[in-house]
Amino acid sequence: MVGPVNATRLRVAHESFVAGLTYTWELDFDVQRSPRPDPVFDQGFGRRAVVEGDRFLVEQIDDGSSLEQYLYVDDSGGYLRAVRDNETEHDAVRDPGDVDDYVVSGEVVERFLTGMNPNVTRIQRDGRTYFRLYADVGLPPALDRLSTRVRNYRVTVYVTPEGFVRSMVVRYDRSWHDGEESVSIRFDYSAVGETSVEAPDWVEGISFETPTPTLETPATPETPTPETLATPTPTPPPVSVTTVGPSSPTGTAGTATTATDTASPTSAPTPASANGTG
């Protein structure tokens, strides 16, 4: 089955599903140039967020540098720990934002699925139903830029009938005027409904006398940066996936039939991470 996907609607369904749940979320953004230069030119980073309501801990490690950052947030504010070249700094952050500023799944879904016509396959994993969306033809508008040439674009998404995007992988090759690079963006959820967050030991002793900015994120044209996201619609309609003929996962076309699961959001399973291509 092949058909267009309503990326905006999927984003709303996903963000509404995870709202209020506890979970662990990991993002890997990797950029490799060919021929590969010194590591200092890499622009990727890895981010891990452990979330329990309004209390969360974000860890970020930048590729090609010695910078490691840790941000703990609770109802009293944010607490930042930065480690660079074996030197450690601690600072208070009066306005660290909310979890959606760091867990940017919805933004990645909308940016890299918009305009795509993925193959949709219904699969079973650990007793749960998932829809596997895979596309390797076409290009989302976010990557269609005159200054670059993008090739070998592939996107793979595993989503539940409720619209929860458990994992997503985007890969493509990009040509610049001065060379080529391979880009990989991947996020995964785990321990949904089973995650708890405790204040790290290093939070003790940090005061709010000198508040500082929050996490520094490497800025690149397609990097899912921690920008403020739109508030999701409280109760989105269920996600429909066509089972026969070409149609949108959010509606029908022609004589296609659809299978719709209207079950209320429940804690998702935590199957082993998919490799993004199978």
Protein backbone atom coordinates (compact mmCIF):
# COMPACT_ATOMS: atom_id res chain seq x y z
CA MET A 1 0.00 0.00 0.00
CA VAL A 2 1.33 3.42 -1.01
CA GLY A 3 -0.25 6.77 -0.30
CA PRO A 4 0.40 10.32 0.94
CA VAL A 5 0.74 10.94 4.66
CA ASN A 6 -0.68 13.93 6.51
CA ALA A 7 2.46 14.77 8.48
CA THR A 8 0.86 17.65 10.36
CA ARG A 9 -1.98 15.49 11.62
CA LEU A 10 0.42 12.72 12.60
CA ARG A 11 2.50 15.22 14.56
CA VAL A 12 -0.57 16.41 16.48
CA ALA A 13 -1.63 12.83 17.25
CA HIS A 14 1.87 11.90 18.41
CA GLU A 15 2.38 14.93 20.64
CA SER A 16 -1.04 14.45 22.22
CA PHE A 17 -0.31 10.78 22.86
CA VAL A 18 2.97 11.36 24.74
CA ALA A 19 1.67 14.35 26.71
CA GLY A 20 1.50 13.32 30.35
CA LEU A 21 3.35 10.01 29.84
CA THR A 22 6.72 9.11 31.30
CA TYR A 23 9.35 7.92 28.84
CA THR A 24 12.97 7.90 27.76
CA TRP A 25 13.73 9.49 24.39
CA GLU A 26 16.96 9.37 22.42
CA LEU A 27 17.97 11.35 19.35
CA ASP A 28 21.06 10.83 17.23
CA PHE A 29 21.93 13.43 14.59
CA ASP A 30 24.98 12.41 12.59
CA VAL A 31 26.79 14.18 9.75
CA GLN A 32 29.69 12.55 7.92
CA ARG A 33 31.56 14.27 5.12
CA SER A 34 33.31 12.48 2.26
CA PRO A 35 36.24 12.40 2.28
CA ARG A 36 35.87 12.73 6.03
CA PRO A 37 37.76 15.72 7.45
CA ASP A 38 39.03 16.13 10.96
CA PRO A 39 36.37 15.37 13.60
CA VAL A 40 36.12 19.06 14.52
CA PHE A 41 34.04 19.61 11.37
CA ASP A 42 31.37 17.10 12.34
CA GLN A 43 28.13 18.86 13.25
CA GLY A 44 26.18 16.03 14.82
CA PHE A 45 25.08 15.45 18.39
CA GLY A 46 23.37 12.89 20.56
CA ARG A 47 20.58 13.76 22.97
CA ARG A 48 18.80 11.71 25.62
CA ALA A 49 15.79 12.90 27.61
CA VAL A 50 14.30 11.16 30.63
CA VAL A 51 10.82 12.56 31.20
CA GLU A 52 8.34 12.34 34.07
CA GLY A 53 5.70 15.05 33.76
CA ASP A 54 7.21 18.51 34.25
CA ARG A 55 10.37 16.99 35.67
CA PHE A 56 12.97 15.89 33.13
CA LEU A 57 16.69 15.40 32.57
CA VAL A 58 18.33 16.10 29.20
CA GLU A 59 21.81 14.92 28.30
CA GLN A 60 23.53 16.13 25.14
CA ILE A 61 26.95 15.27 23.73
CA ASP A 62 28.23 17.11 20.66
CA ASP A 63 30.19 15.28 18.00
CA GLY A 64 33.66 16.53 17.19
CA SER A 65 34.04 18.43 20.47
CA SER A 66 34.54 17.75 24.13
CA LEU A 67 31.31 19.45 25.19
CA GLU A 68 28.84 17.48 27.32
CA GLN A 69 25.74 19.17 28.74
CA TYR A 70 23.20 18.04 31.30
CA LEU A 71 20.01 19.94 32.08
CA TYR A 72 17.71 18.98 34.94
CA VAL A 73 14.33 20.73 35.16
CA ASP A 74 11.65 20.65 37.83
CA ASP A 75 9.07 23.11 39.15
CA SER A 76 11.81 25.25 40.71
CA GLY A 77 13.66 25.90 37.45
CA GLY A 78 16.52 24.46 35.45
CA TYR A 79 19.98 23.30 36.53
CA LEU A 80 22.74 23.07 33.95
CA ARG A 81 25.99 21.13 34.11
CA ALA A 82 28.51 21.64 31.29
CA VAL A 83 31.71 19.66 30.92
CA ARG A 84 34.32 20.80 28.39
CA ASP A 85 37.97 19.78 28.23
CA ASN A 86 37.74 18.26 31.72
CA GLU A 87 36.41 21.52 33.14
CA THR A 88 32.95 21.52 34.74
CA GLU A 89 30.57 24.44 35.22
CA HIS A 90 27.22 24.55 37.02
CA ASP A 91 24.60 27.22 36.44
CA ALA A 92 20.96 27.94 37.19
CA VAL A 93 18.44 28.53 34.38
CA ARG A 94 15.39 30.52 35.43
CA ASP A 95 13.40 29.83 32.27
CA PRO A 96 14.57 26.51 30.80
CA GLY A 97 11.42 25.98 28.73
CA ASP A 98 9.37 22.81 28.73
CA VAL A 99 10.07 19.30 27.56
CA ASP A 100 8.82 19.96 23.99
CA ASP A 101 11.74 22.36 23.53
CA TYR A 102 14.11 19.40 23.77
CA VAL A 103 12.09 16.34 22.75
CA VAL A 104 11.52 17.47 19.16
CA SER A 105 9.89 14.34 17.73
CA GLY A 106 6.86 16.20 16.39
CA GLU A 107 9.01 18.70 14.55
CA VAL A 108 11.11 15.93 12.99
CA VAL A 109 7.99 14.00 11.94
CA GLU A 110 6.40 17.00 10.23
CA ARG A 111 9.61 18.23 8.62
CA PHE A 112 10.75 14.95 7.10
CA LEU A 113 7.42 13.27 6.26
CA THR A 114 5.64 16.21 4.65
CA GLY A 115 5.02 15.58 0.96
CA MET A 116 6.08 11.93 1.10
CA ASN A 117 4.11 8.93 -0.21
CA PRO A 118 5.34 6.06 1.95
CA ASN A 119 4.66 2.36 1.68
CA VAL A 120 2.56 1.37 4.68
CA THR A 121 2.85 -2.10 6.18
CA ARG A 122 0.95 -3.38 9.21
CA ILE A 123 3.20 -5.40 11.54
CA GLN A 124 3.07 -6.99 14.99
CA ARG A 125 5.79 -6.55 17.62
CA ASP A 126 5.62 -7.84 21.17
CA GLY A 127 1.86 -8.20 20.90
CA ARG A 128 1.27 -4.65 19.64
CA THR A 129 0.26 -3.38 16.22
CA TYR A 130 2.51 -0.94 14.39
CA PHE A 131 2.35 0.64 10.97
CA ARG A 132 5.70 0.80 9.22
CA LEU A 133 5.94 3.80 6.90
CA TYR A 134 8.83 3.69 4.45
CA ALA A 135 9.64 6.01 1.52
CA ASP A 136 12.68 6.29 -0.73
CA VAL A 137 11.11 8.27 -3.60
CA GLY A 138 10.57 12.01 -3.49
CA LEU A 139 11.84 14.71 -1.17
CA PRO A 140 10.21 16.76 1.61
CA PRO A 141 10.06 20.53 0.97
CA ALA A 142 12.41 21.15 3.92
CA LEU A 143 15.28 19.60 1.94
CA ASP A 144 14.41 21.01 -1.48
CA ARG A 145 16.87 23.89 -1.56
CA LEU A 146 18.67 25.46 -4.50
CA SER A 147 22.01 25.58 -2.68
CA THR A 148 22.19 21.81 -2.16
CA ARG A 149 21.45 18.58 -3.99
CA VAL A 150 19.94 15.77 -1.94
CA ARG A 151 20.16 12.14 -3.07
CA ASN A 152 19.24 8.73 -1.65
CA TYR A 153 16.56 10.08 0.68
CA ARG A 154 15.00 7.39 2.88
CA VAL A 155 12.60 7.73 5.78
CA THR A 156 11.27 4.95 8.04
CA VAL A 157 8.66 5.44 10.75
CA TYR A 158 7.06 2.99 13.20
CA VAL A 159 3.71 4.34 14.44
CA THR A 160 0.89 2.82 16.48
CA PRO A 161 -2.78 3.06 15.46
CA GLU A 162 -3.14 5.83 18.08
CA GLY A 163 -0.54 7.94 16.28
CA PHE A 164 2.39 7.34 18.64
CA VAL A 165 5.63 7.46 16.61
CA ARG A 166 7.85 5.02 18.51
CA SER A 167 10.85 5.44 16.22
CA MET A 168 11.88 7.32 13.11
CA VAL A 169 14.97 7.20 10.92
CA VAL A 170 15.91 9.66 8.16
CA ARG A 171 18.94 9.19 5.92
CA TYR A 172 20.15 11.08 2.87
CA ASP A 173 23.26 12.24 1.01
CA ARG A 174 23.71 15.94 0.38
CA SER A 175 26.04 17.76 -2.04
CA TRP A 176 27.35 21.23 -1.26
CA HIS A 177 29.51 23.45 -3.43
CA ASP A 178 32.55 22.27 -1.47
CA GLY A 179 31.81 18.57 -1.08
CA GLU A 180 29.35 15.90 -0.03
CA GLU A 181 28.05 14.59 3.27
CA SER A 182 25.82 11.84 4.59
CA VAL A 183 23.15 12.78 7.14
CA SER A 184 21.37 10.46 9.55
CA ILE A 185 18.64 11.49 12.01
CA ARG A 186 17.09 8.93 14.32
CA PHE A 187 14.92 9.00 17.44
CA ASP A 188 13.51 6.22 19.61
CA TYR A 189 11.21 5.98 22.63
CA SER A 190 11.67 3.42 25.38
CA ALA A 191 10.41 2.72 28.92
CA VAL A 192 7.11 4.44 28.12
CA GLY A 193 5.07 4.56 31.32
CA GLU A 194 7.98 3.08 33.25
CA THR A 195 10.38 6.03 33.52
CA SER A 196 11.12 7.99 36.69
CA VAL A 197 13.29 11.07 37.16
CA GLU A 198 15.33 11.99 40.22
CA ALA A 199 17.40 15.13 40.76
CA PRO A 200 21.11 14.43 40.08
CA ASP A 201 23.55 14.91 42.95
CA TRP A 202 25.24 17.83 41.17
CA VAL A 203 22.06 19.95 41.44
CA GLU A 204 22.72 20.55 45.13
CA GLY A 205 24.37 23.89 45.79
CA ILE A 206 23.34 25.57 42.51
CA SER A 207 21.70 28.95 43.09
CA PHE A 208 19.73 31.29 40.83
CA GLU A 209 21.91 34.35 41.46
CA THR A 210 23.39 34.23 37.94
CA PRO A 211 20.98 32.55 35.50
CA THR A 212 22.41 31.47 32.15
CA PRO A 213 21.06 30.21 28.81
CA THR A 214 20.09 26.60 28.41
CA LEU A 215 21.60 23.86 26.23
CA GLU A 216 23.67 24.94 23.26
CA THR A 217 22.63 22.98 20.17
CA PRO A 218 24.77 22.88 17.02
CA ALA A 219 22.96 24.88 14.34
CA THR A 220 22.77 23.37 10.87
CA PRO A 221 20.13 23.83 8.14
CA GLU A 222 18.28 20.58 8.85
CA THR A 223 19.20 20.02 12.50
CA PRO A 224 16.15 19.40 14.74
CA THR A 225 17.05 22.24 17.09
CA PRO A 226 15.31 22.75 20.47
CA GLU A 227 12.94 25.49 19.30
CA THR A 228 9.58 26.11 20.96
CA LEU A 229 6.92 23.91 19.36
CA ALA A 230 3.25 24.60 18.82
CA THR A 231 0.85 23.33 21.47
CA PRO A 232 -0.75 20.09 20.23
CA THR A 233 -4.50 19.79 19.84
CA PRO A 234 -5.84 18.18 23.07
CA THR A 235 -7.93 15.43 21.45
CA PRO A 236 -6.93 14.64 17.86
CA PRO A 237 -8.90 12.17 15.76
CA PRO A 238 -7.54 8.63 15.55
CA VAL A 239 -5.05 7.80 12.81
CA SER A 240 -6.53 5.83 9.91
CA VAL A 241 -4.37 3.66 7.68
CA THR A 242 -5.53 2.43 4.29
CA THR A 243 -5.38 -1.32 3.86
CA VAL A 244 -6.37 -1.54 0.19
CA GLY A 245 -5.45 0.78 -2.67
CA PRO A 246 -3.72 4.20 -2.65
CA SER A 247 -4.92 6.52 0.09
CA SER A 248 -3.78 8.81 2.85
CA PRO A 249 -3.17 7.37 6.33
CA THR A 250 -5.54 10.07 7.54
CA GLY A 251 -8.41 9.43 5.15
CA THR A 252 -9.73 7.41 2.24
CA ALA A 253 -9.68 7.80 -1.53
CA GLY A 254 -11.60 6.04 -4.27
CA THR A 255 -12.82 2.62 -3.14
CA ALA A 256 -10.04 2.03 -0.63
CA THR A 257 -11.02 0.63 2.74
CA THR A 258 -9.50 1.81 6.01
CA ALA A 259 -8.72 0.24 9.34
CA THR A 260 -9.05 2.62 12.27
CA ASP A 261 -8.12 1.95 15.88
CA THR A 262 -9.89 4.32 18.27
CA ALA A 263 -8.44 2.85 21.44
CA SER A 264 -7.37 5.37 24.03
CA PRO A 265 -3.61 5.98 24.38
CA THR A 266 -1.88 3.36 26.46
CA SER A 267 1.73 2.80 27.41
CA ALA A 268 3.61 1.65 24.35
CA PRO A 269 5.87 -1.40 24.31
CA THR A 270 9.62 -1.04 24.16
CA PRO A 271 10.75 -3.42 21.43
CA ALA A 272 14.37 -3.48 20.35
CA SER A 273 15.29 -0.47 18.23
CA ALA A 274 14.63 -0.88 14.55
CA ASN A 275 17.52 -0.49 12.16
CA GLY A 276 15.57 1.99 10.08
CA THR A 277 15.56 -0.08 6.91
CA GLY A 278 13.67 -3.24 7.84
